[in-house]
PDB file of N, CA and C in Angstrom:
ATOM      1  N   MET A   1       0.847  -1.166   0.000  1.00  0.00           N
ATOM      2  CA  MET A   1       0.000   0.000   0.000  1.00  0.00           C
ATOM      3  C   MET A   1       0.892   1.227   0.000  1.00  0.00           C
ATOM      4  N   LYS A   2       0.432   2.231  -0.723  1.00  0.00           N
ATOM      5  CA  LYS A   2       1.229   3.451  -0.864  1.00  0.00           C
ATOM      6  C   LYS A   2       0.374   4.652  -0.485  1.00  0.00           C
ATOM      7  N   PHE A   3       1.008   5.605   0.194  1.00  0.00           N
ATOM      8  CA  PHE A   3       0.329   6.838   0.568  1.00  0.00           C
ATOM      9  C   PHE A   3       0.880   7.984  -0.267  1.00  0.00           C
ATOM     10  N   ASN A   4      -0.010   8.765  -0.843  1.00  0.00           N
ATOM     11  CA  ASN A   4       0.347   9.984  -1.569  1.00  0.00           C
ATOM     12  C   ASN A   4      -0.068  11.150  -0.677  1.00  0.00           C
ATOM     13  N   TRP A   5       0.905  11.887  -0.178  1.00  0.00           N
ATOM     14  CA  TRP A   5       0.638  12.952   0.781  1.00  0.00           C
ATOM     15  C   TRP A   5       0.381  14.259   0.049  1.00  0.00           C
ATOM     16  N   ILE A   6      -0.743  14.880   0.355  1.00  0.00           N
ATOM     17  CA  ILE A   6      -1.117  16.149  -0.257  1.00  0.00           C
ATOM     18  C   ILE A   6      -0.995  17.214   0.824  1.00  0.00           C
ATOM     19  N   THR A   7      -0.063  18.137   0.607  1.00  0.00           N
ATOM     20  CA  THR A   7       0.186  19.196   1.583  1.00  0.00           C
ATOM     21  C   THR A   7       0.121  20.545   0.880  1.00  0.00           C
ATOM     22  N   ALA A   8      -0.003  21.580   1.666  1.00  0.00           N
ATOM     23  CA  ALA A   8       0.034  22.936   1.126  1.00  0.00           C
ATOM     24  C   ALA A   8       1.500  23.367   1.102  1.00  0.00           C
ATOM     25  N   GLY A   9       2.117  23.277  -0.047  1.00  0.00           N
ATOM     26  CA  GLY A   9       3.526  23.654  -0.161  1.00  0.00           C
ATOM     27  C   GLY A   9       4.459  22.536   0.265  1.00  0.00           C
ATOM     28  N   ILE A  10       5.712  22.886   0.442  1.00  0.00           N
ATOM     29  CA  ILE A  10       6.733  21.919   0.846  1.00  0.00           C
ATOM     30  C   ILE A  10       6.638  21.723   2.355  1.00  0.00           C
ATOM     31  N   PRO A  11       6.470  20.473   2.807  1.00  0.00           N
ATOM     32  CA  PRO A  11       6.323  20.247   4.249  1.00  0.00           C
ATOM     33  C   PRO A  11       7.630  20.487   5.004  1.00  0.00           C
ATOM     34  N   GLY A  12       7.508  21.161   6.131  1.00  0.00           N
ATOM     35  CA  GLY A  12       8.654  21.383   7.004  1.00  0.00           C
ATOM     36  C   GLY A  12       8.838  20.198   7.931  1.00  0.00           C
ATOM     37  N   PRO A  13       9.814  20.283   8.838  1.00  0.00           N
ATOM     38  CA  PRO A  13      10.107  19.167   9.744  1.00  0.00           C
ATOM     39  C   PRO A  13       8.917  18.742  10.614  1.00  0.00           C
ATOM     40  N   GLU A  14       8.126  19.697  11.074  1.00  0.00           N
ATOM     41  CA  GLU A  14       6.970  19.352  11.919  1.00  0.00           C
ATOM     42  C   GLU A  14       5.931  18.562  11.124  1.00  0.00           C
ATOM     43  N   ILE A  15       5.670  18.996   9.910  1.00  0.00           N
ATOM     44  CA  ILE A  15       4.696  18.297   9.060  1.00  0.00           C
ATOM     45  C   ILE A  15       5.229  16.920   8.689  1.00  0.00           C
ATOM     46  N   GLU A  16       6.517  16.819   8.382  1.00  0.00           N
ATOM     47  CA  GLU A  16       7.106  15.516   8.048  1.00  0.00           C
ATOM     48  C   GLU A  16       6.971  14.543   9.212  1.00  0.00           C
ATOM     49  N   LYS A  17       7.183  15.029  10.424  1.00  0.00           N
ATOM     50  CA  LYS A  17       7.022  14.178  11.610  1.00  0.00           C
ATOM     51  C   LYS A  17       5.562  13.741  11.739  1.00  0.00           C
ATOM     52  N   HIS A  18       4.644  14.665  11.521  1.00  0.00           N
ATOM     53  CA  HIS A  18       3.210  14.355  11.586  1.00  0.00           C
ATOM     54  C   HIS A  18       2.840  13.302  10.534  1.00  0.00           C
ATOM     55  N   ILE A  19       3.403  13.429   9.335  1.00  0.00           N
ATOM     56  CA  ILE A  19       3.139  12.472   8.257  1.00  0.00           C
ATOM     57  C   ILE A  19       3.585  11.072   8.661  1.00  0.00           C
ATOM     58  N   ILE A  20       4.774  10.967   9.231  1.00  0.00           N
ATOM     59  CA  ILE A  20       5.291   9.658   9.657  1.00  0.00           C
ATOM     60  C   ILE A  20       4.394   9.054  10.728  1.00  0.00           C
ATOM     61  N   GLU A  21       4.024   9.843  11.729  1.00  0.00           N
ATOM     62  CA  GLU A  21       3.159   9.351  12.801  1.00  0.00           C
ATOM     63  C   GLU A  21       1.793   8.937  12.256  1.00  0.00           C
ATOM     64  N   LEU A  22       1.268   9.730  11.361  1.00  0.00           N
ATOM     65  CA  LEU A  22      -0.044   9.435  10.786  1.00  0.00           C
ATOM     66  C   LEU A  22      -0.006   8.154   9.957  1.00  0.00           C
ATOM     67  N   GLU A  23       1.061   7.951   9.214  1.00  0.00           N
ATOM     68  CA  GLU A  23       1.168   6.723   8.421  1.00  0.00           C
ATOM     69  C   GLU A  23       1.207   5.493   9.323  1.00  0.00           C
ATOM     70  N   TYR A  24       1.926   5.582  10.440  1.00  0.00           N
ATOM     71  CA  TYR A  24       1.968   4.455  11.378  1.00  0.00           C
ATOM     72  C   TYR A  24       0.595   4.174  11.987  1.00  0.00           C
ATOM     73  N   GLN A  25      -0.232   5.191  12.127  1.00  0.00           N
ATOM     74  CA  GLN A  25      -1.587   4.989  12.637  1.00  0.00           C
ATOM     75  C   GLN A  25      -2.513   4.433  11.557  1.00  0.00           C
ATOM     76  N   LEU A  26      -2.365   4.925  10.339  1.00  0.00           N
ATOM     77  CA  LEU A  26      -3.281   4.550   9.258  1.00  0.00           C
ATOM     78  C   LEU A  26      -3.049   3.148   8.720  1.00  0.00           C
ATOM     79  N   ARG A  27      -1.791   2.729   8.590  1.00  0.00           N
ATOM     80  CA  ARG A  27      -1.498   1.420   7.978  1.00  0.00           C
ATOM     81  C   ARG A  27      -2.251   0.264   8.641  1.00  0.00           C
ATOM     82  N   PRO A  28      -2.151   0.075   9.960  1.00  0.00           N
ATOM     83  CA  PRO A  28      -2.870  -1.062  10.550  1.00  0.00           C
ATOM     84  C   PRO A  28      -4.391  -0.910  10.460  1.00  0.00           C
ATOM     85  N   ARG A  29      -4.867   0.306  10.583  1.00  0.00           N
ATOM     86  CA  ARG A  29      -6.309   0.546  10.508  1.00  0.00           C
ATOM     87  C   ARG A  29      -6.845   0.209   9.114  1.00  0.00           C
ATOM     88  N   ILE A  30      -6.148   0.659   8.083  1.00  0.00           N
ATOM     89  CA  ILE A  30      -6.570   0.382   6.712  1.00  0.00           C
ATOM     90  C   ILE A  30      -6.408  -1.097   6.395  1.00  0.00           C
ATOM     91  N   THR A  31      -5.334  -1.706   6.868  1.00  0.00           N
ATOM     92  CA  THR A  31      -5.120  -3.138   6.624  1.00  0.00           C
ATOM     93  C   THR A  31      -6.255  -3.958   7.212  1.00  0.00           C
ATOM     94  N   ARG A  32      -6.651  -3.663   8.446  1.00  0.00           N
ATOM     95  CA  ARG A  32      -7.778  -4.383   9.063  1.00  0.00           C
ATOM     96  C   ARG A  32      -9.058  -4.176   8.254  1.00  0.00           C
ATOM     97  N   PHE A  33      -9.282  -2.953   7.811  1.00  0.00           N
ATOM     98  CA  PHE A  33     -10.457  -2.657   6.993  1.00  0.00           C
ATOM     99  C   PHE A  33     -10.440  -3.495   5.715  1.00  0.00           C
ATOM    100  N   LEU A  34      -9.326  -3.494   4.992  1.00  0.00           N
ATOM    101  CA  LEU A  34      -9.236  -4.227   3.724  1.00  0.00           C
ATOM    102  C   LEU A  34      -9.375  -5.730   3.921  1.00  0.00           C
ATOM    103  N   MET A  35      -8.891  -6.241   5.029  1.00  0.00           N
ATOM    104  CA  MET A  35      -8.982  -7.680   5.294  1.00  0.00           C
ATOM    105  C   MET A  35     -10.429  -8.135   5.452  1.00  0.00           C
ATOM    106  N   ARG A  36     -11.316  -7.223   5.815  1.00  0.00           N
ATOM    107  CA  ARG A  36     -12.736  -7.577   5.915  1.00  0.00           C
ATOM    108  C   ARG A  36     -13.354  -7.789   4.532  1.00  0.00           C
ATOM    109  N   TYR A  37     -12.783  -7.172   3.508  1.00  0.00           N
ATOM    110  CA  TYR A  37     -13.351  -7.228   2.158  1.00  0.00           C
ATOM    111  C   TYR A  37     -12.605  -8.158   1.211  1.00  0.00           C
ATOM    112  N   PHE A  38     -11.355  -8.427   1.515  1.00  0.00           N
ATOM    113  CA  PHE A  38     -10.520  -9.230   0.626  1.00  0.00           C
ATOM    114  C   PHE A  38      -9.906 -10.374   1.413  1.00  0.00           C
ATOM    115  N   ASP A  39     -10.016 -11.574   0.888  1.00  0.00           N
ATOM    116  CA  ASP A  39      -9.470 -12.767   1.527  1.00  0.00           C
ATOM    117  C   ASP A  39      -7.951 -12.635   1.651  1.00  0.00           C
ATOM    118  N   PRO A  40      -7.421 -12.663   2.887  1.00  0.00           N
ATOM    119  CA  PRO A  40      -5.974 -12.518   3.082  1.00  0.00           C
ATOM    120  C   PRO A  40      -5.152 -13.603   2.389  1.00  0.00           C
ATOM    121  N   GLU A  41      -5.738 -14.769   2.170  1.00  0.00           N
ATOM    122  CA  GLU A  41      -4.989 -15.825   1.493  1.00  0.00           C
ATOM    123  C   GLU A  41      -4.858 -15.545  -0.002  1.00  0.00           C
ATOM    124  N   VAL A  42      -5.805 -14.827  -0.559  1.00  0.00           N
ATOM    125  CA  VAL A  42      -5.743 -14.468  -1.973  1.00  0.00           C
ATOM    126  C   VAL A  42      -4.961 -13.164  -2.157  1.00  0.00           C
ATOM    127  N   HIS A  43      -5.198 -12.222  -1.262  1.00  0.00           N
ATOM    128  CA  HIS A  43      -4.525 -10.918  -1.303  1.00  0.00           C
ATOM    129  C   HIS A  43      -3.562 -10.855  -0.115  1.00  0.00           C
ATOM    130  N   GLU A  44      -2.407 -11.490  -0.251  1.00  0.00           N
ATOM    131  CA  GLU A  44      -1.492 -11.554   0.892  1.00  0.00           C
ATOM    132  C   GLU A  44      -0.865 -10.207   1.219  1.00  0.00           C
ATOM    133  N   ASP A  45      -0.917  -9.288   0.310  1.00  0.00           N
ATOM    134  CA  ASP A  45      -0.527  -7.919   0.627  1.00  0.00           C
ATOM    135  C   ASP A  45      -1.444  -6.982  -0.160  1.00  0.00           C
ATOM    136  N   PHE A  46      -1.330  -5.722   0.116  1.00  0.00           N
ATOM    137  CA  PHE A  46      -2.222  -4.752  -0.510  1.00  0.00           C
ATOM    138  C   PHE A  46      -1.427  -3.728  -1.318  1.00  0.00           C
ATOM    139  N   ARG A  47      -0.434  -4.207  -2.054  1.00  0.00           N
ATOM    140  CA  ARG A  47       0.425  -3.325  -2.853  1.00  0.00           C
ATOM    141  C   ARG A  47      -0.333  -2.551  -3.918  1.00  0.00           C
ATOM    142  N   ALA A  48      -1.418  -3.089  -4.397  1.00  0.00           N
ATOM    143  CA  ALA A  48      -2.161  -2.422  -5.475  1.00  0.00           C
ATOM    144  C   ALA A  48      -2.910  -1.182  -4.986  1.00  0.00           C
ATOM    145  N   PHE A  49      -3.049  -1.043  -3.680  1.00  0.00           N
ATOM    146  CA  PHE A  49      -3.809   0.077  -3.130  1.00  0.00           C
ATOM    147  C   PHE A  49      -2.933   1.303  -2.944  1.00  0.00           C
ATOM    148  N   GLN A  50      -3.464   2.440  -3.396  1.00  0.00           N
ATOM    149  CA  GLN A  50      -2.833   3.730  -3.150  1.00  0.00           C
ATOM    150  C   GLN A  50      -3.879   4.644  -2.532  1.00  0.00           C
ATOM    151  N   PHE A  51      -3.417   5.485  -1.628  1.00  0.00           N
ATOM    152  CA  PHE A  51      -4.316   6.384  -0.920  1.00  0.00           C
ATOM    153  C   PHE A  51      -3.789   7.808  -1.005  1.00  0.00           C
ATOM    154  N   ASP A  52      -4.691   8.743  -1.247  1.00  0.00           N
ATOM    155  CA  ASP A  52      -4.354  10.160  -1.266  1.00  0.00           C
ATOM    156  C   ASP A  52      -4.748  10.738   0.087  1.00  0.00           C
ATOM    157  N   VAL A  53      -3.751  11.168   0.838  1.00  0.00           N
ATOM    158  CA  VAL A  53      -3.993  11.734   2.164  1.00  0.00           C
ATOM    159  C   VAL A  53      -3.880  13.247   2.039  1.00  0.00           C
ATOM    160  N   ASP A  54      -5.011  13.920   2.178  1.00  0.00           N
ATOM    161  CA  ASP A  54      -5.068  15.372   2.047  1.00  0.00           C
ATOM    162  C   ASP A  54      -5.042  15.975   3.448  1.00  0.00           C
ATOM    163  N   LEU A  55      -3.889  16.525   3.821  1.00  0.00           N
ATOM    164  CA  LEU A  55      -3.749  17.064   5.171  1.00  0.00           C
ATOM    165  C   LEU A  55      -4.562  18.334   5.368  1.00  0.00           C
ATOM    166  N   ALA A  56      -4.737  19.132   4.323  1.00  0.00           N
ATOM    167  CA  ALA A  56      -5.516  20.364   4.444  1.00  0.00           C
ATOM    168  C   ALA A  56      -6.996  20.060   4.679  1.00  0.00           C
ATOM    169  N   ARG A  57      -7.526  19.084   3.960  1.00  0.00           N
ATOM    170  CA  ARG A  57      -8.939  18.709   4.116  1.00  0.00           C
ATOM    171  C   ARG A  57      -9.162  17.722   5.254  1.00  0.00           C
ATOM    172  N   ARG A  58      -8.071  17.159   5.749  1.00  0.00           N
ATOM    173  CA  ARG A  58      -8.120  16.163   6.821  1.00  0.00           C
ATOM    174  C   ARG A  58      -8.947  14.944   6.403  1.00  0.00           C
ATOM    175  N   GLU A  59      -8.635  14.432   5.203  1.00  0.00           N
ATOM    176  CA  GLU A  59      -9.324  13.243   4.723  1.00  0.00           C
ATOM    177  C   GLU A  59      -8.378  12.387   3.888  1.00  0.00           C
ATOM    178  N   ILE A  60      -8.766  11.143   3.731  1.00  0.00           N
ATOM    179  CA  ILE A  60      -8.001  10.210   2.915  1.00  0.00           C
ATOM    180  C   ILE A  60      -8.954   9.578   1.907  1.00  0.00           C
ATOM    181  N   ARG A  61      -8.481   9.465   0.665  1.00  0.00           N
ATOM    182  CA  ARG A  61      -9.285   8.884  -0.410  1.00  0.00           C
ATOM    183  C   ARG A  61      -8.505   7.744  -1.052  1.00  0.00           C
ATOM    184  N   ILE A  62      -9.226   6.786  -1.594  1.00  0.00           N
ATOM    185  CA  ILE A  62      -8.572   5.746  -2.379  1.00  0.00           C
ATOM    186  C   ILE A  62      -8.168   6.399  -3.694  1.00  0.00           C
ATOM    187  N   SER A  63      -6.901   6.301  -4.030  1.00  0.00           N
ATOM    188  CA  SER A  63      -6.366   6.948  -5.225  1.00  0.00           C
ATOM    189  C   SER A  63      -6.939   6.333  -6.497  1.00  0.00           C
ATOM    190  N   GLU A  64      -7.030   7.160  -7.524  1.00  0.00           N
ATOM    191  CA  GLU A  64      -7.476   6.649  -8.825  1.00  0.00           C
ATOM    192  C   GLU A  64      -6.447   5.697  -9.431  1.00  0.00           C
ATOM    193  N   ASN A  65      -5.259   5.605  -8.847  1.00  0.00           N
ATOM    194  CA  ASN A  65      -4.239   4.653  -9.304  1.00  0.00           C
ATOM    195  C   ASN A  65      -4.493   3.237  -8.787  1.00  0.00           C
ATOM    196  N   THR A  66      -5.453   3.090  -7.890  1.00  0.00           N
ATOM    197  CA  THR A  66      -5.841   1.770  -7.386  1.00  0.00           C
ATOM    198  C   THR A  66      -6.735   1.103  -8.432  1.00  0.00           C
ATOM    199  N   PRO A  67      -6.563  -0.196  -8.670  1.00  0.00           N
ATOM    200  CA  PRO A  67      -7.411  -0.876  -9.662  1.00  0.00           C
ATOM    201  C   PRO A  67      -8.904  -0.641  -9.398  1.00  0.00           C
ATOM    202  N   ARG A  68      -9.614  -0.338 -10.454  1.00  0.00           N
ATOM    203  CA  ARG A  68     -11.037   0.032 -10.373  1.00  0.00           C
ATOM    204  C   ARG A  68     -11.891  -1.016  -9.650  1.00  0.00           C
ATOM    205  N   ASN A  69     -11.643  -2.307  -9.905  1.00  0.00           N
ATOM    206  CA  ASN A  69     -12.472  -3.338  -9.269  1.00  0.00           C
ATOM    207  C   ASN A  69     -12.293  -3.340  -7.750  1.00  0.00           C
ATOM    208  N   TYR A  70     -11.127  -2.973  -7.259  1.00  0.00           N
ATOM    209  CA  TYR A  70     -10.918  -2.868  -5.814  1.00  0.00           C
ATOM    210  C   TYR A  70     -11.658  -1.653  -5.257  1.00  0.00           C
ATOM    211  N   VAL A  71     -11.552  -0.549  -5.966  1.00  0.00           N
ATOM    212  CA  VAL A  71     -12.199   0.688  -5.520  1.00  0.00           C
ATOM    213  C   VAL A  71     -13.707   0.493  -5.421  1.00  0.00           C
ATOM    214  N   GLN A  72     -14.303  -0.107  -6.438  1.00  0.00           N
ATOM    215  CA  GLN A  72     -15.754  -0.308  -6.454  1.00  0.00           C
ATOM    216  C   GLN A  72     -16.216  -1.171  -5.289  1.00  0.00           C
ATOM    217  N   ARG A  73     -15.374  -2.068  -4.870  1.00  0.00           N
ATOM    218  CA  ARG A  73     -15.748  -3.001  -3.806  1.00  0.00           C
ATOM    219  C   ARG A  73     -15.794  -2.345  -2.426  1.00  0.00           C
ATOM    220  N   VAL A  74     -14.971  -1.329  -2.198  1.00  0.00           N
ATOM    221  CA  VAL A  74     -14.851  -0.797  -0.840  1.00  0.00           C
ATOM    222  C   VAL A  74     -15.055   0.707  -0.703  1.00  0.00           C
ATOM    223  N   SER A  75     -15.205   1.437  -1.780  1.00  0.00           N
ATOM    224  CA  SER A  75     -15.125   2.896  -1.710  1.00  0.00           C
ATOM    225  C   SER A  75     -16.118   3.553  -0.751  1.00  0.00           C
ATOM    226  N   CYS A  76     -17.376   3.186  -0.782  1.00  0.00           N
ATOM    227  CA  CYS A  76     -18.365   3.831   0.097  1.00  0.00           C
ATOM    228  C   CYS A  76     -18.067   3.570   1.565  1.00  0.00           C
ATOM    229  N   ASP A  77     -17.852   2.323   1.906  1.00  0.00           N
ATOM    230  CA  ASP A  77     -17.558   1.991   3.297  1.00  0.00           C
ATOM    231  C   ASP A  77     -16.237   2.603   3.747  1.00  0.00           C
ATOM    232  N   PHE A  78     -15.265   2.665   2.846  1.00  0.00           N
ATOM    233  CA  PHE A  78     -13.975   3.258   3.193  1.00  0.00           C
ATOM    234  C   PHE A  78     -14.153   4.722   3.580  1.00  0.00           C
ATOM    235  N   MET A  79     -14.875   5.482   2.775  1.00  0.00           N
ATOM    236  CA  MET A  79     -15.072   6.903   3.089  1.00  0.00           C
ATOM    237  C   MET A  79     -15.805   7.079   4.407  1.00  0.00           C
ATOM    238  N   ASN A  80     -16.792   6.252   4.670  1.00  0.00           N
ATOM    239  CA  ASN A  80     -17.550   6.377   5.913  1.00  0.00           C
ATOM    240  C   ASN A  80     -16.730   6.001   7.139  1.00  0.00           C
ATOM    241  N   GLU A  81     -15.941   4.952   7.044  1.00  0.00           N
ATOM    242  CA  GLU A  81     -15.197   4.457   8.203  1.00  0.00           C
ATOM    243  C   GLU A  81     -13.857   5.136   8.408  1.00  0.00           C
ATOM    244  N   ILE A  82     -13.167   5.435   7.324  1.00  0.00           N
ATOM    245  CA  ILE A  82     -11.794   5.916   7.452  1.00  0.00           C
ATOM    246  C   ILE A  82     -11.591   7.263   6.782  1.00  0.00           C
ATOM    247  N   GLY A  83     -12.085   7.413   5.582  1.00  0.00           N
ATOM    248  CA  GLY A  83     -11.791   8.579   4.765  1.00  0.00           C
ATOM    249  C   GLY A  83     -12.107   9.917   5.386  1.00  0.00           C
ATOM    250  N   LEU A  84     -13.244  10.020   6.016  1.00  0.00           N
ATOM    251  CA  LEU A  84     -13.647  11.298   6.601  1.00  0.00           C
ATOM    252  C   LEU A  84     -13.263  11.404   8.068  1.00  0.00           C
ATOM    253  N   ASN A  85     -12.578  10.409   8.568  1.00  0.00           N
ATOM    254  CA  ASN A  85     -12.246  10.357   9.990  1.00  0.00           C
ATOM    255  C   ASN A  85     -10.790   9.923  10.164  1.00  0.00           C
ATOM    256  N   CYS A  86      -9.919  10.460   9.334  1.00  0.00           N
ATOM    257  CA  CYS A  86      -8.560   9.916   9.309  1.00  0.00           C
ATOM    258  C   CYS A  86      -7.560  10.697  10.138  1.00  0.00           C
ATOM    259  N   CYS A  87      -7.632  12.003  10.131  1.00  0.00           N
ATOM    260  CA  CYS A  87      -6.514  12.747  10.718  1.00  0.00           C
ATOM    261  C   CYS A  87      -6.964  14.019  11.403  1.00  0.00           C
TER     262      CYS A  87
END
């Protein structure tokens, strides 16, 4: 899984620290969420997933770079559970 960080301008040291801490919080939460929708034996990792983390809007979205069939399967529940309540 990959995170695309959206910031206002070039992030300074404080924002970079916040990004690292936020990623450590988001990874296990998103992994647990995805495991509910995708069989872990079939999808042993979630490399195909990319997420756009918008720090200004304080939300996370499934990136358009994620395969469409994955997005369609989880997008509504993702926004309700994680996307609008991420940071």
